[in-house]
């Protein structure tokens, strides 16, 4: 599976990339801000997009809205965020197919993603 991860925290993005590549055997592309996420998602094809809720340039929800408006057959979006109020989670689930709270457990990240995608 080809995955785009948009995350401005380098430690988090590096851990997620390592886990998804080594354990999940996925191809992972990283970007560090919302503008790069939108541009990359629109210019390439991904099986899954994982967006941080809060990023420089554009937030995850903003990226998701614009991406879905501009791309036919949009890829599923999972939000990865420390924001965890009921309102935040509801917004993430309205826009995307799932939500994973930070900090996430690297040992279960692949399984969490698989579970979300199966339920979508």
N, C-alpha and C. Protein backbone atom coordinates (compact mmCIF):
# COMPACT_ATOMS: atom_id res chain seq x y z
N UNK A 1 0.85 -1.17 0.00
CA UNK A 1 0.00 0.00 0.00
C UNK A 1 0.91 1.24 0.00
N UNK A 2 0.54 2.23 -0.77
CA UNK A 2 1.27 3.49 -0.85
C UNK A 2 0.57 4.50 0.07
N UNK A 3 1.33 5.01 1.05
CA UNK A 3 0.76 5.85 2.10
C UNK A 3 1.46 7.20 2.14
N UNK A 4 0.68 8.27 2.24
CA UNK A 4 1.21 9.61 2.48
C UNK A 4 0.96 9.95 3.94
N UNK A 5 2.02 10.35 4.65
CA UNK A 5 1.88 10.80 6.03
C UNK A 5 2.26 12.28 6.07
N UNK A 6 1.34 13.10 6.56
CA UNK A 6 1.59 14.52 6.75
C UNK A 6 1.64 14.78 8.25
N UNK A 7 2.83 15.02 8.74
CA UNK A 7 3.07 15.18 10.18
C UNK A 7 4.24 16.14 10.37
N UNK A 8 4.04 17.18 11.18
CA UNK A 8 5.11 18.17 11.36
C UNK A 8 6.10 17.80 12.45
N UNK A 9 5.80 16.82 13.27
CA UNK A 9 6.75 16.36 14.29
C UNK A 9 7.62 15.27 13.68
N UNK A 10 8.89 15.58 13.49
CA UNK A 10 9.79 14.65 12.80
C UNK A 10 9.92 13.31 13.52
N UNK A 11 9.93 13.32 14.85
CA UNK A 11 10.03 12.06 15.59
C UNK A 11 8.83 11.15 15.32
N UNK A 12 7.65 11.74 15.35
CA UNK A 12 6.43 10.96 15.12
C UNK A 12 6.40 10.43 13.69
N UNK A 13 6.72 11.29 12.72
CA UNK A 13 6.67 10.84 11.33
C UNK A 13 7.71 9.75 11.06
N UNK A 14 8.89 9.88 11.66
CA UNK A 14 9.94 8.87 11.46
C UNK A 14 9.53 7.52 12.05
N UNK A 15 8.96 7.54 13.25
CA UNK A 15 8.51 6.30 13.87
C UNK A 15 7.40 5.66 13.04
N UNK A 16 6.42 6.46 12.62
CA UNK A 16 5.32 5.92 11.82
C UNK A 16 5.85 5.33 10.51
N UNK A 17 6.76 6.03 9.86
CA UNK A 17 7.33 5.55 8.60
C UNK A 17 8.06 4.23 8.80
N UNK A 18 8.90 4.15 9.82
CA UNK A 18 9.65 2.92 10.08
C UNK A 18 8.71 1.74 10.33
N UNK A 19 7.72 1.95 11.17
CA UNK A 19 6.78 0.87 11.49
C UNK A 19 6.00 0.43 10.25
N UNK A 20 5.48 1.40 9.51
CA UNK A 20 4.66 1.05 8.35
C UNK A 20 5.48 0.40 7.25
N UNK A 21 6.73 0.80 7.10
CA UNK A 21 7.58 0.18 6.08
C UNK A 21 8.09 -1.19 6.51
N UNK A 22 8.57 -1.29 7.73
CA UNK A 22 9.19 -2.55 8.18
C UNK A 22 8.18 -3.60 8.58
N UNK A 23 7.17 -3.22 9.33
CA UNK A 23 6.18 -4.18 9.81
C UNK A 23 5.08 -4.39 8.76
N UNK A 24 4.56 -3.27 8.24
CA UNK A 24 3.45 -3.37 7.30
C UNK A 24 3.86 -3.58 5.86
N UNK A 25 5.16 -3.40 5.57
CA UNK A 25 5.67 -3.54 4.20
C UNK A 25 5.01 -2.57 3.23
N UNK A 26 4.72 -1.35 3.72
CA UNK A 26 4.09 -0.33 2.90
C UNK A 26 5.14 0.64 2.36
N UNK A 27 4.78 1.32 1.29
CA UNK A 27 5.61 2.40 0.75
C UNK A 27 5.09 3.70 1.37
N UNK A 28 5.96 4.42 2.08
CA UNK A 28 5.54 5.60 2.83
C UNK A 28 6.25 6.85 2.33
N UNK A 29 5.47 7.91 2.11
CA UNK A 29 6.00 9.21 1.73
C UNK A 29 5.66 10.19 2.84
N UNK A 30 6.63 11.01 3.25
CA UNK A 30 6.44 11.97 4.34
C UNK A 30 6.43 13.39 3.82
N UNK A 31 5.57 14.20 4.40
CA UNK A 31 5.60 15.66 4.22
C UNK A 31 5.38 16.28 5.59
N UNK A 32 5.82 17.53 5.75
CA UNK A 32 5.83 18.12 7.09
C UNK A 32 4.86 19.28 7.29
N UNK A 33 4.08 19.63 6.26
CA UNK A 33 3.10 20.71 6.47
C UNK A 33 1.88 20.48 5.59
N UNK A 34 0.84 21.22 5.90
CA UNK A 34 -0.42 21.03 5.21
C UNK A 34 -0.39 21.36 3.72
N UNK A 35 0.33 22.40 3.34
CA UNK A 35 0.41 22.77 1.91
C UNK A 35 1.09 21.65 1.13
N UNK A 36 2.20 21.12 1.65
CA UNK A 36 2.90 20.02 0.98
C UNK A 36 2.01 18.78 0.93
N UNK A 37 1.23 18.56 1.97
CA UNK A 37 0.32 17.41 1.99
C UNK A 37 -0.71 17.53 0.87
N UNK A 38 -1.32 18.69 0.74
CA UNK A 38 -2.33 18.89 -0.30
C UNK A 38 -1.72 18.75 -1.68
N UNK A 39 -0.60 19.43 -1.91
CA UNK A 39 0.05 19.37 -3.22
C UNK A 39 0.44 17.93 -3.59
N UNK A 40 1.01 17.21 -2.63
CA UNK A 40 1.45 15.84 -2.89
C UNK A 40 0.25 14.91 -3.12
N UNK A 41 -0.78 15.06 -2.31
CA UNK A 41 -1.97 14.21 -2.45
C UNK A 41 -2.67 14.44 -3.79
N UNK A 42 -2.64 15.68 -4.28
CA UNK A 42 -3.29 15.98 -5.55
C UNK A 42 -2.46 15.56 -6.76
N UNK A 43 -1.14 15.54 -6.59
CA UNK A 43 -0.27 15.26 -7.74
C UNK A 43 0.12 13.78 -7.87
N UNK A 44 -0.10 13.00 -6.83
CA UNK A 44 0.25 11.59 -6.86
C UNK A 44 -0.95 10.76 -6.40
N UNK A 45 -0.84 9.47 -6.59
CA UNK A 45 -1.90 8.56 -6.17
C UNK A 45 -1.45 7.79 -4.93
N UNK A 46 -2.30 7.78 -3.91
CA UNK A 46 -2.01 7.07 -2.66
C UNK A 46 -3.18 6.17 -2.31
N UNK A 47 -2.87 5.07 -1.63
CA UNK A 47 -3.92 4.17 -1.15
C UNK A 47 -4.51 4.66 0.16
N UNK A 48 -3.72 5.47 0.89
CA UNK A 48 -4.13 5.99 2.19
C UNK A 48 -3.38 7.28 2.46
N UNK A 49 -4.08 8.23 3.08
CA UNK A 49 -3.46 9.48 3.52
C UNK A 49 -3.68 9.60 5.02
N UNK A 50 -2.59 9.84 5.75
CA UNK A 50 -2.66 10.04 7.19
C UNK A 50 -2.28 11.49 7.46
N UNK A 51 -3.20 12.23 8.09
CA UNK A 51 -3.01 13.66 8.32
C UNK A 51 -2.97 13.98 9.81
N UNK A 52 -1.97 14.75 10.20
CA UNK A 52 -1.93 15.33 11.53
C UNK A 52 -3.06 16.35 11.61
N UNK A 53 -3.67 16.47 12.75
CA UNK A 53 -4.76 17.44 12.91
C UNK A 53 -4.29 18.88 12.85
N UNK A 54 -3.11 19.14 13.40
CA UNK A 54 -2.57 20.51 13.44
C UNK A 54 -1.19 20.52 12.79
N UNK A 55 -1.08 21.29 11.70
CA UNK A 55 0.19 21.41 10.98
C UNK A 55 0.38 22.85 10.53
N UNK A 56 1.62 23.22 10.22
CA UNK A 56 1.85 24.53 9.62
C UNK A 56 1.18 24.63 8.24
N UNK A 57 0.91 25.82 7.81
CA UNK A 57 0.33 26.13 6.49
C UNK A 57 -1.17 25.85 6.45
N UNK A 58 -1.55 24.60 6.53
CA UNK A 58 -2.96 24.19 6.53
C UNK A 58 -3.14 23.09 7.57
N UNK A 59 -4.27 23.10 8.26
CA UNK A 59 -4.54 22.03 9.23
C UNK A 59 -4.95 20.76 8.50
N UNK A 60 -4.92 19.65 9.20
CA UNK A 60 -5.36 18.39 8.62
C UNK A 60 -6.78 18.45 8.07
N UNK A 61 -7.75 18.97 8.86
CA UNK A 61 -9.11 19.08 8.33
C UNK A 61 -9.20 19.97 7.08
N UNK A 62 -8.43 21.06 7.04
CA UNK A 62 -8.44 21.92 5.85
C UNK A 62 -7.89 21.16 4.64
N UNK A 63 -6.79 20.44 4.84
CA UNK A 63 -6.22 19.65 3.75
C UNK A 63 -7.24 18.63 3.26
N UNK A 64 -7.88 17.94 4.17
CA UNK A 64 -8.84 16.90 3.82
C UNK A 64 -9.99 17.48 3.00
N UNK A 65 -10.55 18.61 3.44
CA UNK A 65 -11.66 19.24 2.72
C UNK A 65 -11.24 19.62 1.30
N UNK A 66 -10.12 20.31 1.18
CA UNK A 66 -9.66 20.76 -0.14
C UNK A 66 -9.32 19.58 -1.04
N UNK A 67 -8.69 18.57 -0.47
CA UNK A 67 -8.32 17.38 -1.23
C UNK A 67 -9.57 16.71 -1.80
N UNK A 68 -10.58 16.51 -0.98
CA UNK A 68 -11.80 15.84 -1.42
C UNK A 68 -12.56 16.68 -2.45
N UNK A 69 -12.48 18.01 -2.34
CA UNK A 69 -13.14 18.88 -3.31
C UNK A 69 -12.47 18.81 -4.68
N UNK A 70 -11.16 18.60 -4.69
CA UNK A 70 -10.40 18.69 -5.94
C UNK A 70 -10.04 17.35 -6.56
N UNK A 71 -10.20 16.25 -5.85
CA UNK A 71 -9.75 14.96 -6.36
C UNK A 71 -10.92 14.00 -6.49
N UNK A 72 -11.15 13.51 -7.71
CA UNK A 72 -12.13 12.47 -7.90
C UNK A 72 -11.54 11.18 -7.36
N UNK A 73 -12.37 10.31 -6.84
CA UNK A 73 -11.91 9.04 -6.26
C UNK A 73 -10.83 9.28 -5.20
N UNK A 74 -11.12 10.17 -4.28
CA UNK A 74 -10.17 10.51 -3.21
C UNK A 74 -9.83 9.28 -2.38
N UNK A 75 -8.58 9.22 -1.97
CA UNK A 75 -8.10 8.14 -1.10
C UNK A 75 -8.69 8.30 0.30
N UNK A 76 -8.79 7.22 1.05
CA UNK A 76 -9.26 7.35 2.43
C UNK A 76 -8.25 8.14 3.26
N UNK A 77 -8.78 8.89 4.21
CA UNK A 77 -7.97 9.73 5.10
C UNK A 77 -8.18 9.29 6.54
N UNK A 78 -7.07 9.08 7.23
CA UNK A 78 -7.09 8.82 8.67
C UNK A 78 -6.38 9.98 9.34
N UNK A 79 -6.99 10.51 10.40
CA UNK A 79 -6.36 11.59 11.15
C UNK A 79 -5.55 11.00 12.30
N UNK A 80 -4.38 11.58 12.50
CA UNK A 80 -3.47 11.22 13.59
C UNK A 80 -3.27 12.51 14.39
N UNK A 81 -3.82 12.56 15.60
CA UNK A 81 -3.82 13.84 16.30
C UNK A 81 -3.83 13.68 17.81
N UNK A 82 -3.23 14.66 18.49
CA UNK A 82 -3.30 14.73 19.94
C UNK A 82 -4.61 15.37 20.38
N UNK A 83 -5.29 16.04 19.45
CA UNK A 83 -6.58 16.64 19.77
C UNK A 83 -7.57 15.51 20.01
N UNK A 84 -8.22 15.53 21.18
CA UNK A 84 -9.05 14.38 21.51
C UNK A 84 -10.37 14.75 22.20
N UNK A 85 -10.80 16.01 22.04
CA UNK A 85 -12.11 16.35 22.58
C UNK A 85 -13.18 15.67 21.72
N UNK A 86 -14.36 15.44 22.26
CA UNK A 86 -15.41 14.83 21.45
C UNK A 86 -15.68 15.61 20.16
N UNK A 87 -15.60 16.95 20.22
CA UNK A 87 -15.82 17.77 19.03
C UNK A 87 -14.73 17.55 17.99
N UNK A 88 -13.47 17.48 18.44
CA UNK A 88 -12.37 17.23 17.52
C UNK A 88 -12.51 15.87 16.85
N UNK A 89 -12.78 14.86 17.65
CA UNK A 89 -12.91 13.50 17.11
C UNK A 89 -14.08 13.43 16.13
N UNK A 90 -15.19 14.07 16.47
CA UNK A 90 -16.36 14.08 15.57
C UNK A 90 -16.00 14.73 14.23
N UNK A 91 -15.24 15.82 14.28
CA UNK A 91 -14.82 16.49 13.05
C UNK A 91 -13.93 15.56 12.21
N UNK A 92 -12.97 14.92 12.86
CA UNK A 92 -12.08 14.01 12.14
C UNK A 92 -12.88 12.87 11.49
N UNK A 93 -13.83 12.32 12.22
CA UNK A 93 -14.60 11.20 11.70
C UNK A 93 -15.61 11.63 10.63
N UNK A 94 -16.06 12.88 10.67
CA UNK A 94 -16.93 13.40 9.61
C UNK A 94 -16.16 13.54 8.30
N UNK A 95 -14.90 13.92 8.39
CA UNK A 95 -14.09 14.16 7.20
C UNK A 95 -13.36 12.92 6.70
N UNK A 96 -12.87 12.12 7.62
CA UNK A 96 -12.05 10.97 7.25
C UNK A 96 -12.72 9.67 7.63
N UNK A 97 -11.97 8.57 7.41
CA UNK A 97 -12.51 7.25 7.73
C UNK A 97 -12.11 6.78 9.13
N UNK A 98 -11.21 7.54 9.79
CA UNK A 98 -10.80 7.12 11.11
C UNK A 98 -9.91 8.13 11.79
N UNK A 99 -9.61 7.81 13.05
CA UNK A 99 -8.82 8.69 13.91
C UNK A 99 -7.94 7.83 14.80
N UNK A 100 -6.68 8.20 14.90
CA UNK A 100 -5.74 7.55 15.81
C UNK A 100 -5.17 8.64 16.71
N UNK A 101 -5.27 8.42 18.01
CA UNK A 101 -4.80 9.43 18.96
C UNK A 101 -3.29 9.34 19.17
N UNK A 102 -2.66 10.51 19.23
CA UNK A 102 -1.24 10.60 19.59
C UNK A 102 -1.14 10.79 21.09
N UNK A 103 -0.16 10.22 21.72
CA UNK A 103 0.86 9.36 21.13
C UNK A 103 0.28 7.99 20.83
N UNK A 104 0.67 7.43 19.69
CA UNK A 104 0.18 6.11 19.30
C UNK A 104 1.19 5.06 19.73
N UNK A 105 0.72 3.83 19.79
CA UNK A 105 1.59 2.70 20.12
C UNK A 105 2.17 2.15 18.82
N UNK A 106 3.48 2.28 18.61
CA UNK A 106 4.07 1.78 17.36
C UNK A 106 3.79 0.30 17.10
N UNK A 107 3.67 -0.48 18.17
CA UNK A 107 3.45 -1.92 18.01
C UNK A 107 2.07 -2.24 17.44
N UNK A 108 1.11 -1.33 17.61
CA UNK A 108 -0.24 -1.61 17.12
C UNK A 108 -0.68 -0.69 15.99
N UNK A 109 0.20 0.16 15.50
CA UNK A 109 -0.18 1.13 14.47
C UNK A 109 -0.71 0.44 13.21
N UNK A 110 -0.01 -0.55 12.71
CA UNK A 110 -0.45 -1.24 11.49
C UNK A 110 -1.83 -1.87 11.69
N UNK A 111 -2.03 -2.49 12.84
CA UNK A 111 -3.32 -3.12 13.12
C UNK A 111 -4.44 -2.08 13.23
N UNK A 112 -4.15 -0.95 13.87
CA UNK A 112 -5.16 0.12 13.97
C UNK A 112 -5.58 0.58 12.59
N UNK A 113 -4.62 0.78 11.71
CA UNK A 113 -4.92 1.24 10.35
C UNK A 113 -5.74 0.19 9.61
N UNK A 114 -5.35 -1.06 9.70
CA UNK A 114 -6.09 -2.14 9.03
C UNK A 114 -7.53 -2.21 9.54
N UNK A 115 -7.70 -2.09 10.84
CA UNK A 115 -9.05 -2.13 11.43
C UNK A 115 -9.91 -0.97 10.92
N UNK A 116 -9.33 0.22 10.87
CA UNK A 116 -10.07 1.38 10.39
C UNK A 116 -10.46 1.19 8.92
N UNK A 117 -9.53 0.74 8.10
CA UNK A 117 -9.82 0.59 6.67
C UNK A 117 -10.84 -0.51 6.41
N UNK A 118 -10.82 -1.57 7.19
CA UNK A 118 -11.81 -2.63 7.02
C UNK A 118 -13.22 -2.14 7.38
N UNK A 119 -13.30 -1.27 8.37
CA UNK A 119 -14.59 -0.76 8.81
C UNK A 119 -15.15 0.33 7.88
N UNK A 120 -14.27 0.92 7.09
CA UNK A 120 -14.69 2.06 6.23
C UNK A 120 -15.56 1.61 5.07
